[in-house]
Amino acid sequence: MDRPFLIGETIYLRPFENKYIEEGYGHLINNRNVIKYLPSSWFPKPDEELEQYIESSRKDPNTIFFAVTDKETNNYIGNAKIVIDWISRRAKYSLVLSDQVQGKGYGTDLLRLLIVYVFEILNLRILETFVNVTNNASIKSNKKVGMKEVVLIKKYEYIGGDYQDIILFILRKSDYADIRNEDSFKTILELNSTV
């Protein structure tokens, strides 16, 4: 592993560097099948614009941007971003993974890492995300890690020629305390024993 910041069962997180733009980030962000649920899917992004976006994220004290790396191959396979509201002690996450690893449990492993990071390291009290109702993989993954479906917002996003509903998922620190001792979280906590 190359400079792991957090280690999961199948992946590890490390700081995002510009070299990952060439290693696959540009492909991910410009692959409409991969990012079809993100607002950025409507506009192609040249490398220069991606570099500016990464640089602005690095400078923002409220944003944490990770490169997601496959433990077995050491290849960059996606990214995760956390945006923090320090006053409310709340974080919103978003992620994107290569279509080559989707459906193989990497997203669930990544979510568990983000949950451990948000509650164990940052000591925040809420993790949240919005999911399109047609994004079955994300809905399944969020539920699997303990995120709770709290609000359905009707006709919120325009995707695929129609306005689509989205779901707000949250996990409170108090709910995390109830699932922290599950085997999957125990494994992550053991892999990151300095937490």
Protein backbone atom coordinates (compact mmCIF):
# COMPACT_ATOMS: atom_id res chain seq x y z
CA MET A 1 0.00 0.00 0.00
CA ASP A 2 1.18 3.49 -0.86
CA ARG A 3 0.65 5.99 1.99
CA PRO A 4 -2.66 4.60 3.29
CA PHE A 5 -4.67 7.03 5.38
CA LEU A 6 -7.52 4.63 6.16
CA ILE A 7 -7.62 0.91 5.38
CA GLY A 8 -10.68 -1.15 4.50
CA GLU A 9 -11.15 -4.79 3.64
CA THR A 10 -10.81 -4.30 -0.14
CA ILE A 11 -9.64 -0.68 -0.46
CA TYR A 12 -7.66 2.03 1.22
CA LEU A 13 -7.93 5.81 1.16
CA ARG A 14 -5.04 8.14 0.48
CA PRO A 15 -4.71 11.84 -0.31
CA PHE A 16 -5.91 12.76 -3.78
CA GLU A 17 -3.09 13.97 -6.04
CA ASN A 18 -3.18 15.39 -9.54
CA LYS A 19 -1.57 12.23 -10.93
CA TYR A 20 -4.89 10.45 -10.34
CA ILE A 21 -6.47 12.66 -12.99
CA GLU A 22 -4.31 10.89 -15.57
CA GLU A 23 -4.70 7.52 -13.83
CA GLY A 24 -8.46 7.53 -14.19
CA TYR A 25 -10.26 10.45 -12.55
CA GLY A 26 -10.74 12.18 -15.91
CA HIS A 27 -12.23 8.97 -17.29
CA LEU A 28 -14.56 8.57 -14.30
CA ILE A 29 -15.83 12.13 -14.35
CA ASN A 30 -16.40 12.09 -18.11
CA ASN A 31 -18.06 8.64 -18.18
CA ARG A 32 -21.79 9.38 -18.13
CA ASN A 33 -22.60 5.78 -17.12
CA VAL A 34 -20.45 6.15 -13.99
CA ILE A 35 -21.62 9.63 -12.94
CA LYS A 36 -25.19 9.62 -14.24
CA TYR A 37 -26.52 10.49 -10.77
CA LEU A 38 -24.20 13.47 -10.24
CA PRO A 39 -25.05 17.04 -11.31
CA SER A 40 -21.69 17.22 -13.10
CA SER A 41 -22.82 14.58 -15.60
CA TRP A 42 -24.19 17.22 -17.96
CA PHE A 43 -20.85 18.84 -18.73
CA PRO A 44 -17.57 17.30 -19.95
CA LYS A 45 -14.56 18.18 -17.82
CA PRO A 46 -11.08 18.74 -19.35
CA ASP A 47 -8.06 17.88 -17.19
CA GLU A 48 -7.31 21.55 -16.51
CA GLU A 49 -10.76 22.07 -15.01
CA LEU A 50 -10.40 18.92 -12.90
CA GLU A 51 -7.04 20.17 -11.59
CA GLN A 52 -8.67 23.48 -10.59
CA TYR A 53 -11.50 21.61 -8.87
CA ILE A 54 -9.05 19.44 -6.92
CA GLU A 55 -6.98 22.46 -5.94
CA SER A 56 -10.04 24.37 -4.69
CA SER A 57 -11.11 21.28 -2.68
CA ARG A 58 -7.64 21.08 -1.10
CA LYS A 59 -7.79 24.73 -0.05
CA ASP A 60 -11.30 24.45 1.42
CA PRO A 61 -11.04 23.70 5.17
CA ASN A 62 -14.52 22.16 5.02
CA THR A 63 -13.73 19.61 2.31
CA ILE A 64 -11.80 16.35 2.49
CA PHE A 65 -11.04 14.63 -0.80
CA PHE A 66 -9.71 11.05 -0.94
CA ALA A 67 -8.37 8.81 -3.68
CA VAL A 68 -9.84 5.31 -3.37
CA THR A 69 -7.30 2.58 -4.07
CA ASP A 70 -7.73 -1.16 -4.59
CA LYS A 71 -5.67 -2.98 -1.93
CA GLU A 72 -4.88 -5.95 -4.17
CA THR A 73 -3.74 -4.07 -7.29
CA ASN A 74 -2.78 -0.71 -5.74
CA ASN A 75 -4.73 0.97 -8.57
CA TYR A 76 -6.73 4.17 -8.23
CA ILE A 77 -10.42 3.18 -8.61
CA GLY A 78 -12.37 6.26 -7.54
CA ASN A 79 -12.72 9.06 -5.07
CA ALA A 80 -14.70 10.10 -2.03
CA LYS A 81 -15.46 13.60 -0.82
CA ILE A 82 -16.70 14.77 2.56
CA VAL A 83 -18.01 18.30 3.05
CA ILE A 84 -18.22 19.33 6.70
CA ASP A 85 -20.41 21.78 8.57
CA TRP A 86 -18.20 22.27 11.64
CA ILE A 87 -20.81 24.29 13.54
CA SER A 88 -23.52 21.63 13.28
CA ARG A 89 -20.89 18.82 13.38
CA ARG A 90 -22.43 17.30 10.28
CA ALA A 91 -20.81 15.87 7.13
CA LYS A 92 -22.18 15.12 3.68
CA TYR A 93 -20.43 12.50 1.57
CA SER A 94 -20.29 11.77 -2.14
CA LEU A 95 -18.32 9.15 -3.99
CA VAL A 96 -17.63 7.79 -7.44
CA LEU A 97 -16.14 4.41 -8.29
CA SER A 98 -14.94 2.96 -11.57
CA ASP A 99 -17.53 0.91 -13.44
CA GLN A 100 -14.99 -1.95 -13.38
CA VAL A 101 -15.40 -2.37 -9.60
CA GLN A 102 -19.07 -1.54 -9.19
CA GLY A 103 -21.23 -4.30 -7.75
CA LYS A 104 -18.28 -5.99 -6.00
CA GLY A 105 -18.66 -4.56 -2.48
CA TYR A 106 -16.13 -1.75 -2.86
CA GLY A 107 -18.78 0.94 -2.30
CA THR A 108 -19.97 -0.67 0.93
CA ASP A 109 -16.39 -1.00 2.17
CA LEU A 110 -15.80 2.65 1.28
CA LEU A 111 -18.92 3.77 3.16
CA ARG A 112 -17.81 1.92 6.28
CA LEU A 113 -14.43 3.69 6.08
CA LEU A 114 -16.13 7.07 5.74
CA ILE A 115 -18.41 6.30 8.71
CA VAL A 116 -15.45 5.34 10.90
CA TYR A 117 -13.59 8.47 9.79
CA VAL A 118 -16.52 10.82 10.44
CA PHE A 119 -17.43 9.44 13.86
CA GLU A 120 -14.19 8.04 15.27
CA ILE A 121 -11.65 10.57 13.98
CA LEU A 122 -13.55 13.78 13.24
CA ASN A 123 -16.00 13.31 16.14
CA LEU A 124 -18.92 14.60 14.09
CA ARG A 125 -22.51 13.73 14.97
CA ILE A 126 -24.26 13.19 11.61
CA LEU A 127 -23.26 11.74 8.23
CA GLU A 128 -25.64 12.34 5.33
CA THR A 129 -26.05 11.84 1.62
CA PHE A 130 -28.68 12.23 -1.09
CA VAL A 131 -29.45 9.27 -3.35
CA ASN A 132 -31.54 9.16 -6.52
CA VAL A 133 -34.43 6.68 -6.12
CA THR A 134 -33.32 4.82 -9.25
CA ASN A 135 -29.78 4.30 -7.91
CA ASN A 136 -30.48 0.86 -6.44
CA ALA A 137 -26.83 0.01 -5.76
CA SER A 138 -26.34 3.13 -3.65
CA ILE A 139 -29.62 2.63 -1.78
CA LYS A 140 -28.67 -0.96 -0.98
CA SER A 141 -25.15 0.02 0.11
CA ASN A 142 -26.37 2.84 2.37
CA LYS A 143 -28.89 0.57 4.07
CA LYS A 144 -26.31 -2.20 4.46
CA VAL A 145 -23.98 0.05 6.48
CA GLY A 146 -26.77 1.36 8.71
CA MET A 147 -27.69 4.65 7.04
CA LYS A 148 -31.35 5.53 7.63
CA GLU A 149 -33.75 6.70 4.92
CA VAL A 150 -35.34 9.82 6.41
CA VAL A 151 -36.83 11.98 3.65
CA LEU A 152 -38.09 11.45 0.13
CA ILE A 153 -37.95 14.62 -1.96
CA LYS A 154 -40.18 14.41 -5.02
CA LYS A 155 -39.13 15.53 -8.51
CA TYR A 156 -35.82 16.95 -7.29
CA GLU A 157 -33.26 16.03 -9.99
CA TYR A 158 -33.50 16.09 -13.76
CA ILE A 159 -31.95 12.85 -15.03
CA GLY A 160 -32.63 10.84 -18.15
CA GLY A 161 -35.28 13.17 -19.53
CA ASP A 162 -37.41 13.32 -16.37
CA TYR A 163 -37.47 14.83 -12.90
CA GLN A 164 -36.52 12.16 -10.37
CA ASP A 165 -37.07 11.73 -6.65
CA ILE A 166 -34.17 11.63 -4.20
CA ILE A 167 -33.79 10.16 -0.73
CA LEU A 168 -31.94 11.77 2.16
CA PHE A 169 -30.00 9.14 4.12
CA ILE A 170 -28.44 9.95 7.49
CA LEU A 171 -26.54 8.16 10.19
CA ARG A 172 -26.29 9.71 13.64
CA LYS A 173 -23.36 9.06 15.93
CA SER A 174 -25.77 7.53 18.44
CA ASP A 175 -26.94 5.04 15.76
CA TYR A 176 -23.33 4.29 14.87
CA ALA A 177 -22.69 3.36 18.50
CA ASP A 178 -25.32 0.61 18.07
CA ILE A 179 -23.63 -0.91 14.98
CA ARG A 180 -19.98 -0.21 15.85
CA ASN A 181 -19.53 -3.73 17.26
CA GLU A 182 -20.73 -5.49 14.11
CA ASP A 183 -18.01 -7.66 12.55
CA SER A 184 -17.64 -5.45 9.47
CA PHE A 185 -16.95 -2.33 11.56
CA LYS A 186 -14.76 -4.26 14.01
CA THR A 187 -12.58 -5.34 11.10
CA ILE A 188 -12.16 -1.76 9.90
CA LEU A 189 -11.41 -0.54 13.40
CA GLU A 190 -8.79 -3.29 13.79
CA LEU A 191 -7.21 -2.42 10.42
CA ASN A 192 -6.99 1.19 11.60
CA SER A 193 -5.95 0.48 15.17
CA THR A 194 -4.56 3.97 15.64
CA VAL A 195 -8.16 5.28 15.48
